[in-house]
Amino acid sequence: MAAPKKTYRTIDEYLADFSSPTREILEKIRATIKNAAPEAEEAMAYQIPTFKLGKNLVHFAAFKHHIGFYPTPSGIERFKHEFSQYDTAKGSVRFPLDAPIPYDLIEKVVEYRVKAVRGD
């Protein structure tokens, strides 16, 4: 029988399970999102770090070889050209851990999502 999956209550708990350099990348993504959406609330949804602004704004998570970033389908569609060098799906993008993380792009996407959620 497989061991039960760990349940995280906070982003801090989630980040604590990762070692360097992955944890530093996750912390910088968190700070980038906070900078772009200072009013957003931190939460855990689907057992991954989430930022909410009334509803889900963005999610992110670490995997063995990549960081998953989940800005909803509208975020992926709006930045499809900027995401063209990465693996994408309907609402997600994968940033390889062996390549620079595009923090500036993450910031632009979060700013876009804030406007979309607010109806601007």
Protein backbone atom coordinates (compact mmCIF):
# COMPACT_ATOMS: atom_id res chain seq x y z
CA MET A 1 0.00 0.00 0.00
CA ALA A 2 1.33 3.45 -0.92
CA ALA A 3 2.06 5.97 1.81
CA PRO A 4 -0.57 8.68 2.12
CA LYS A 5 0.24 11.97 0.43
CA LYS A 6 1.24 14.83 2.67
CA THR A 7 -1.38 17.51 3.24
CA TYR A 8 -0.13 21.09 3.25
CA ARG A 9 -1.98 23.83 5.10
CA THR A 10 0.28 26.74 4.10
CA ILE A 11 2.71 27.73 1.40
CA ASP A 12 5.47 27.79 4.03
CA GLU A 13 4.81 24.11 4.80
CA TYR A 14 4.93 23.30 1.09
CA LEU A 15 8.20 25.17 0.54
CA ALA A 16 9.82 23.53 3.57
CA ASP A 17 9.68 20.15 1.80
CA PHE A 18 12.08 21.30 -0.93
CA SER A 19 15.83 21.69 -0.80
CA SER A 20 17.99 24.26 -2.52
CA PRO A 21 17.98 25.40 -5.28
CA THR A 22 14.34 24.43 -5.92
CA ARG A 23 13.15 26.08 -2.70
CA GLU A 24 14.88 29.35 -3.66
CA ILE A 25 13.17 29.29 -7.05
CA LEU A 26 9.79 28.70 -5.40
CA GLU A 27 10.44 31.51 -2.90
CA LYS A 28 11.35 33.89 -5.72
CA ILE A 29 8.20 32.94 -7.65
CA ARG A 30 6.18 33.59 -4.50
CA ALA A 31 7.82 37.00 -4.05
CA THR A 32 7.29 37.83 -7.73
CA ILE A 33 3.57 37.04 -7.44
CA LYS A 34 3.26 39.05 -4.20
CA ASN A 35 4.94 42.01 -5.91
CA ALA A 36 2.59 41.85 -8.90
CA ALA A 37 -0.53 41.21 -6.80
CA PRO A 38 0.04 42.69 -3.33
CA GLU A 39 -3.65 42.38 -2.38
CA ALA A 40 -3.84 38.70 -3.29
CA GLU A 41 -4.20 36.17 -0.49
CA GLU A 42 -1.97 33.15 -0.14
CA ALA A 43 -3.71 29.79 0.04
CA MET A 44 -3.27 26.14 -0.76
CA ALA A 45 -5.53 24.68 -3.45
CA TYR A 46 -5.13 21.26 -5.03
CA GLN A 47 -2.24 20.88 -2.52
CA ILE A 48 -0.14 23.49 -4.36
CA PRO A 49 0.63 27.15 -3.58
CA THR A 50 -2.14 29.43 -4.77
CA PHE A 51 -2.82 33.14 -4.80
CA LYS A 52 -6.43 34.31 -4.71
CA LEU A 53 -8.09 37.60 -5.39
CA GLY A 54 -11.67 36.69 -4.64
CA LYS A 55 -11.07 33.62 -6.78
CA ASN A 56 -8.01 31.72 -7.96
CA LEU A 57 -5.45 34.03 -9.50
CA VAL A 58 -2.48 31.70 -10.14
CA HIS A 59 -0.97 28.49 -8.78
CA PHE A 60 2.58 27.15 -8.91
CA ALA A 61 4.31 23.90 -7.95
CA ALA A 62 7.64 22.12 -8.12
CA PHE A 63 8.26 18.80 -9.80
CA LYS A 64 11.37 16.73 -10.38
CA HIS A 65 12.43 18.50 -13.59
CA HIS A 66 10.25 21.60 -13.83
CA ILE A 67 8.20 24.28 -12.13
CA GLY A 68 4.53 24.22 -13.03
CA PHE A 69 2.86 27.62 -13.31
CA TYR A 70 -0.93 27.71 -13.62
CA PRO A 71 -2.34 31.10 -14.68
CA THR A 72 -5.65 29.66 -15.95
CA PRO A 73 -6.42 29.14 -19.64
CA SER A 74 -6.85 32.89 -20.20
CA GLY A 75 -3.33 33.57 -18.92
CA ILE A 76 -1.87 30.91 -21.18
CA GLU A 77 -3.79 32.17 -24.21
CA ARG A 78 -2.87 35.83 -23.61
CA PHE A 79 0.87 35.02 -23.40
CA LYS A 80 1.02 32.12 -25.85
CA HIS A 81 3.81 33.76 -27.87
CA GLU A 82 5.94 34.37 -24.77
CA PHE A 83 5.27 30.79 -23.64
CA SER A 84 6.09 29.28 -27.05
CA GLN A 85 9.49 27.99 -25.90
CA TYR A 86 7.92 26.06 -23.01
CA ASP A 87 5.61 23.07 -22.74
CA THR A 88 2.08 24.34 -22.22
CA ALA A 89 -1.37 22.90 -21.75
CA LYS A 90 -4.78 24.53 -21.50
CA GLY A 91 -4.05 26.29 -18.19
CA SER A 92 -0.43 25.51 -17.41
CA VAL A 93 3.15 26.04 -18.44
CA ARG A 94 6.28 24.12 -17.46
CA PHE A 95 9.51 25.96 -16.74
CA PRO A 96 12.46 23.51 -16.82
CA LEU A 97 14.62 23.57 -13.71
CA ASP A 98 17.76 23.39 -15.82
CA ALA A 99 16.99 26.74 -17.53
CA PRO A 100 16.51 30.27 -16.20
CA ILE A 101 13.05 30.89 -14.74
CA PRO A 102 11.34 33.85 -16.50
CA TYR A 103 10.38 35.82 -13.40
CA ASP A 104 9.63 38.93 -15.46
CA LEU A 105 7.15 36.96 -17.55
CA ILE A 106 5.55 35.51 -14.43
CA GLU A 107 5.11 39.05 -13.13
CA LYS A 108 3.47 40.20 -16.39
CA VAL A 109 1.11 37.23 -16.37
CA VAL A 110 0.10 37.85 -12.76
CA GLU A 111 -0.55 41.54 -13.50
CA TYR A 112 -2.73 40.44 -16.41
CA ARG A 113 -4.61 37.96 -14.22
CA VAL A 114 -5.26 40.67 -11.59
CA LYS A 115 -6.86 42.86 -14.26
CA ALA A 116 -8.85 39.92 -15.62
CA VAL A 117 -10.17 38.94 -12.19
CA ARG A 118 -11.12 42.54 -11.41
CA GLY A 119 -12.78 42.97 -14.78
CA ASP A 120 -10.47 45.81 -15.87
